[in-house]
């Protein structure tokens, strides 16, 4: 009777151990699936970040090129305005000189 009781207890313990192992295996598979899902999300997030970064860099480069072009255009326009002002100053100085000469001739 004792052997039968031990055999029954051993069988029951074996069944419990088998059920526990089955539960652990199921939980392990669930965790592996969750880790795989998270790794996929991480990869997708990294790709999105790389794409977003590339778009920001491209937008920055495009904006910089526009600013550089605008600056070059403004610089050229300023240089032309300075040249025009210098030319006008030269003409005004000539006109002033002519006016002084005429004033001197009229005066005397």
C-alpha atoms as a PDB file:
ATOM      1  CA  UNK A   1       0.000   0.000   0.000  1.00  0.00           C
ATOM      2  CA  UNK A   2       2.879   2.325   0.783  1.00  0.00           C
ATOM      3  CA  UNK A   3       4.489   1.598  -2.579  1.00  0.00           C
ATOM      4  CA  UNK A   4       1.213   2.306  -4.345  1.00  0.00           C
ATOM      5  CA  UNK A   5       0.875   5.567  -2.432  1.00  0.00           C
ATOM      6  CA  UNK A   6       4.467   6.547  -3.323  1.00  0.00           C
ATOM      7  CA  UNK A   7       3.884   5.576  -6.954  1.00  0.00           C
ATOM      8  CA  UNK A   8       0.698   7.619  -6.988  1.00  0.00           C
ATOM      9  CA  UNK A   9       2.490  10.568  -5.373  1.00  0.00           C
ATOM     10  CA  UNK A  10       5.446  10.204  -7.759  1.00  0.00           C
ATOM     11  CA  UNK A  11       3.069  10.028 -10.711  1.00  0.00           C
ATOM     12  CA  UNK A  12       1.215  13.073  -9.470  1.00  0.00           C
ATOM     13  CA  UNK A  13       4.509  14.969  -8.950  1.00  0.00           C
ATOM     14  CA  UNK A  14       5.635  13.933 -12.430  1.00  0.00           C
ATOM     15  CA  UNK A  15       2.377  15.212 -13.911  1.00  0.00           C
ATOM     16  CA  UNK A  16       2.758  18.504 -12.009  1.00  0.00           C
ATOM     17  CA  UNK A  17       6.362  18.824 -13.212  1.00  0.00           C
ATOM     18  CA  UNK A  18       5.283  18.085 -16.778  1.00  0.00           C
ATOM     19  CA  UNK A  19       2.511  20.692 -16.537  1.00  0.00           C
ATOM     20  CA  UNK A  20       4.938  23.215 -15.027  1.00  0.00           C
ATOM     21  CA  UNK A  21       7.462  22.550 -17.811  1.00  0.00           C
ATOM     22  CA  UNK A  22       4.723  22.885 -20.394  1.00  0.00           C
ATOM     23  CA  UNK A  23       3.715  26.227 -18.864  1.00  0.00           C
ATOM     24  CA  UNK A  24       7.339  27.375 -18.801  1.00  0.00           C
ATOM     25  CA  UNK A  25       7.783  26.360 -22.444  1.00  0.00           C
ATOM     26  CA  UNK A  26       4.602  28.218 -23.416  1.00  0.00           C
ATOM     27  CA  UNK A  27       5.709  31.293 -21.491  1.00  0.00           C
ATOM     28  CA  UNK A  28       9.177  31.062 -23.056  1.00  0.00           C
ATOM     29  CA  UNK A  29       7.651  30.916 -26.538  1.00  0.00           C
ATOM     30  CA  UNK A  30       5.416  33.885 -25.691  1.00  0.00           C
ATOM     31  CA  UNK A  31       8.437  35.852 -24.484  1.00  0.00           C
ATOM     32  CA  UNK A  32      10.400  34.927 -27.614  1.00  0.00           C
ATOM     33  CA  UNK A  33       7.495  36.171 -29.721  1.00  0.00           C
ATOM     34  CA  UNK A  34       7.329  39.401 -27.725  1.00  0.00           C
ATOM     35  CA  UNK A  35      11.098  39.926 -28.066  1.00  0.00           C
ATOM     36  CA  UNK A  36      10.828  39.297 -31.807  1.00  0.00           C
ATOM     37  CA  UNK A  37       7.956  41.784 -32.084  1.00  0.00           C
ATOM     38  CA  UNK A  38       9.913  44.389 -30.111  1.00  0.00           C
ATOM     39  CA  UNK A  39      13.009  43.849 -32.255  1.00  0.00           C
ATOM     40  CA  UNK A  40      10.875  44.371 -35.370  1.00  0.00           C
ATOM     41  CA  UNK A  41       9.480  47.600 -33.894  1.00  0.00           C
ATOM     42  CA  UNK A  42      12.991  48.733 -33.016  1.00  0.00           C
ATOM     43  CA  UNK A  43      14.204  48.045 -36.554  1.00  0.00           C
ATOM     44  CA  UNK A  44      11.232  49.940 -38.000  1.00  0.00           C
ATOM     45  CA  UNK A  45      11.860  52.854 -35.633  1.00  0.00           C
ATOM     46  CA  UNK A  46      15.553  52.930 -36.606  1.00  0.00           C
ATOM     47  CA  UNK A  47      14.644  52.966 -40.307  1.00  0.00           C
ATOM     48  CA  UNK A  48      12.099  55.748 -39.736  1.00  0.00           C
ATOM     49  CA  UNK A  49      14.679  57.727 -37.775  1.00  0.00           C
ATOM     50  CA  UNK A  50      17.242  57.303 -40.568  1.00  0.00           C
ATOM     51  CA  UNK A  51      14.657  58.366 -43.163  1.00  0.00           C
ATOM     52  CA  UNK A  52      13.578  61.373 -41.083  1.00  0.00           C
ATOM     53  CA  UNK A  53      17.211  62.357 -40.502  1.00  0.00           C
ATOM     54  CA  UNK A  54      17.974  62.079 -44.218  1.00  0.00           C
ATOM     55  CA  UNK A  55      14.937  64.255 -45.007  1.00  0.00           C
ATOM     56  CA  UNK A  56      15.991  66.866 -42.444  1.00  0.00           C
ATOM     57  CA  UNK A  57      19.542  66.918 -43.791  1.00  0.00           C
ATOM     58  CA  UNK A  58      18.235  67.265 -47.358  1.00  0.00           C
ATOM     59  CA  UNK A  59      15.904  70.096 -46.317  1.00  0.00           C
ATOM     60  CA  UNK A  60      18.765  71.803 -44.477  1.00  0.00           C
ATOM     61  CA  UNK A  61      21.073  71.465 -47.485  1.00  0.00           C
ATOM     62  CA  UNK A  62      18.356  72.787 -49.801  1.00  0.00           C
ATOM     63  CA  UNK A  63      17.699  75.731 -47.475  1.00  0.00           C
ATOM     64  CA  UNK A  64      21.411  76.412 -47.150  1.00  0.00           C
ATOM     65  CA  UNK A  65      21.841  76.367 -50.930  1.00  0.00           C
ATOM     66  CA  UNK A  66      18.954  78.846 -51.283  1.00  0.00           C
ATOM     67  CA  UNK A  67      20.422  81.132 -48.614  1.00  0.00           C
ATOM     68  CA  UNK A  68      23.842  80.896 -50.276  1.00  0.00           C
ATOM     69  CA  UNK A  69      22.297  81.754 -53.658  1.00  0.00           C
ATOM     70  CA  UNK A  70      20.288  84.628 -52.161  1.00  0.00           C
ATOM     71  CA  UNK A  71      23.402  85.902 -50.402  1.00  0.00           C
ATOM     72  CA  UNK A  72      25.412  85.723 -53.611  1.00  0.00           C
ATOM     73  CA  UNK A  73      22.643  87.600 -55.443  1.00  0.00           C
ATOM     74  CA  UNK A  74      22.453  90.226 -52.696  1.00  0.00           C
ATOM     75  CA  UNK A  75      26.227  90.587 -52.679  1.00  0.00           C
ATOM     76  CA  UNK A  76      26.268  91.080 -56.451  1.00  0.00           C
ATOM     77  CA  UNK A  77      23.423  93.606 -56.206  1.00  0.00           C
ATOM     78  CA  UNK A  78      25.259  95.498 -53.445  1.00  0.00           C
ATOM     79  CA  UNK A  79      28.468  95.498 -55.476  1.00  0.00           C
ATOM     80  CA  UNK A  80      26.571  96.862 -58.473  1.00  0.00           C
ATOM     81  CA  UNK A  81      24.938  99.532 -56.286  1.00  0.00           C
ATOM     82  CA  UNK A  82      28.331 100.528 -54.854  1.00  0.00           C
ATOM     83  CA  UNK A  83      29.747 100.726 -58.379  1.00  0.00           C
ATOM     84  CA  UNK A  84      26.804 102.862 -59.511  1.00  0.00           C
ATOM     85  CA  UNK A  85      27.149 105.132 -56.468  1.00  0.00           C
ATOM     86  CA  UNK A  86      30.872 105.515 -57.138  1.00  0.00           C
ATOM     87  CA  UNK A  87      30.164 106.398 -60.758  1.00  0.00           C
ATOM     88  CA  UNK A  88      27.524 108.946 -59.696  1.00  0.00           C
ATOM     89  CA  UNK A  89      29.965 110.452 -57.214  1.00  0.00           C
ATOM     90  CA  UNK A  90      32.532 110.828 -59.987  1.00  0.00           C
ATOM     91  CA  UNK A  91      29.965 112.580 -62.208  1.00  0.00           C
ATOM     92  CA  UNK A  92      28.895 114.838 -59.327  1.00  0.00           C
ATOM     93  CA  UNK A  93      32.514 115.752 -58.594  1.00  0.00           C
ATOM     94  CA  UNK A  94      33.003 116.613 -62.287  1.00  0.00           C
ATOM     95  CA  UNK A  95      29.811 118.696 -62.283  1.00  0.00           C
ATOM     96  CA  UNK A  96      30.952 120.479 -59.114  1.00  0.00           C
ATOM     97  CA  UNK A  97      34.315 121.245 -60.677  1.00  0.00           C
ATOM     98  CA  UNK A  98      32.631 122.556 -63.837  1.00  0.00           C
ATOM     99  CA  UNK A  99      30.311 124.648 -61.644  1.00  0.00           C
ATOM    100  CA  UNK A 100      33.293 126.121 -59.745  1.00  0.00           C
ATOM    101  CA  UNK A 101      35.068 126.975 -62.987  1.00  0.00           C
ATOM    102  CA  UNK A 102      31.946 128.636 -64.373  1.00  0.00           C
ATOM    103  CA  UNK A 103      31.437 130.502 -61.115  1.00  0.00           C
ATOM    104  CA  UNK A 104      35.024 131.756 -61.234  1.00  0.00           C
ATOM    105  CA  UNK A 105      34.636 132.860 -64.871  1.00  0.00           C
ATOM    106  CA  UNK A 106      31.378 134.629 -64.103  1.00  0.00           C
ATOM    107  CA  UNK A 107      32.868 136.275 -61.028  1.00  0.00           C
ATOM    108  CA  UNK A 108      35.813 137.402 -62.653  1.00  0.00           C
END
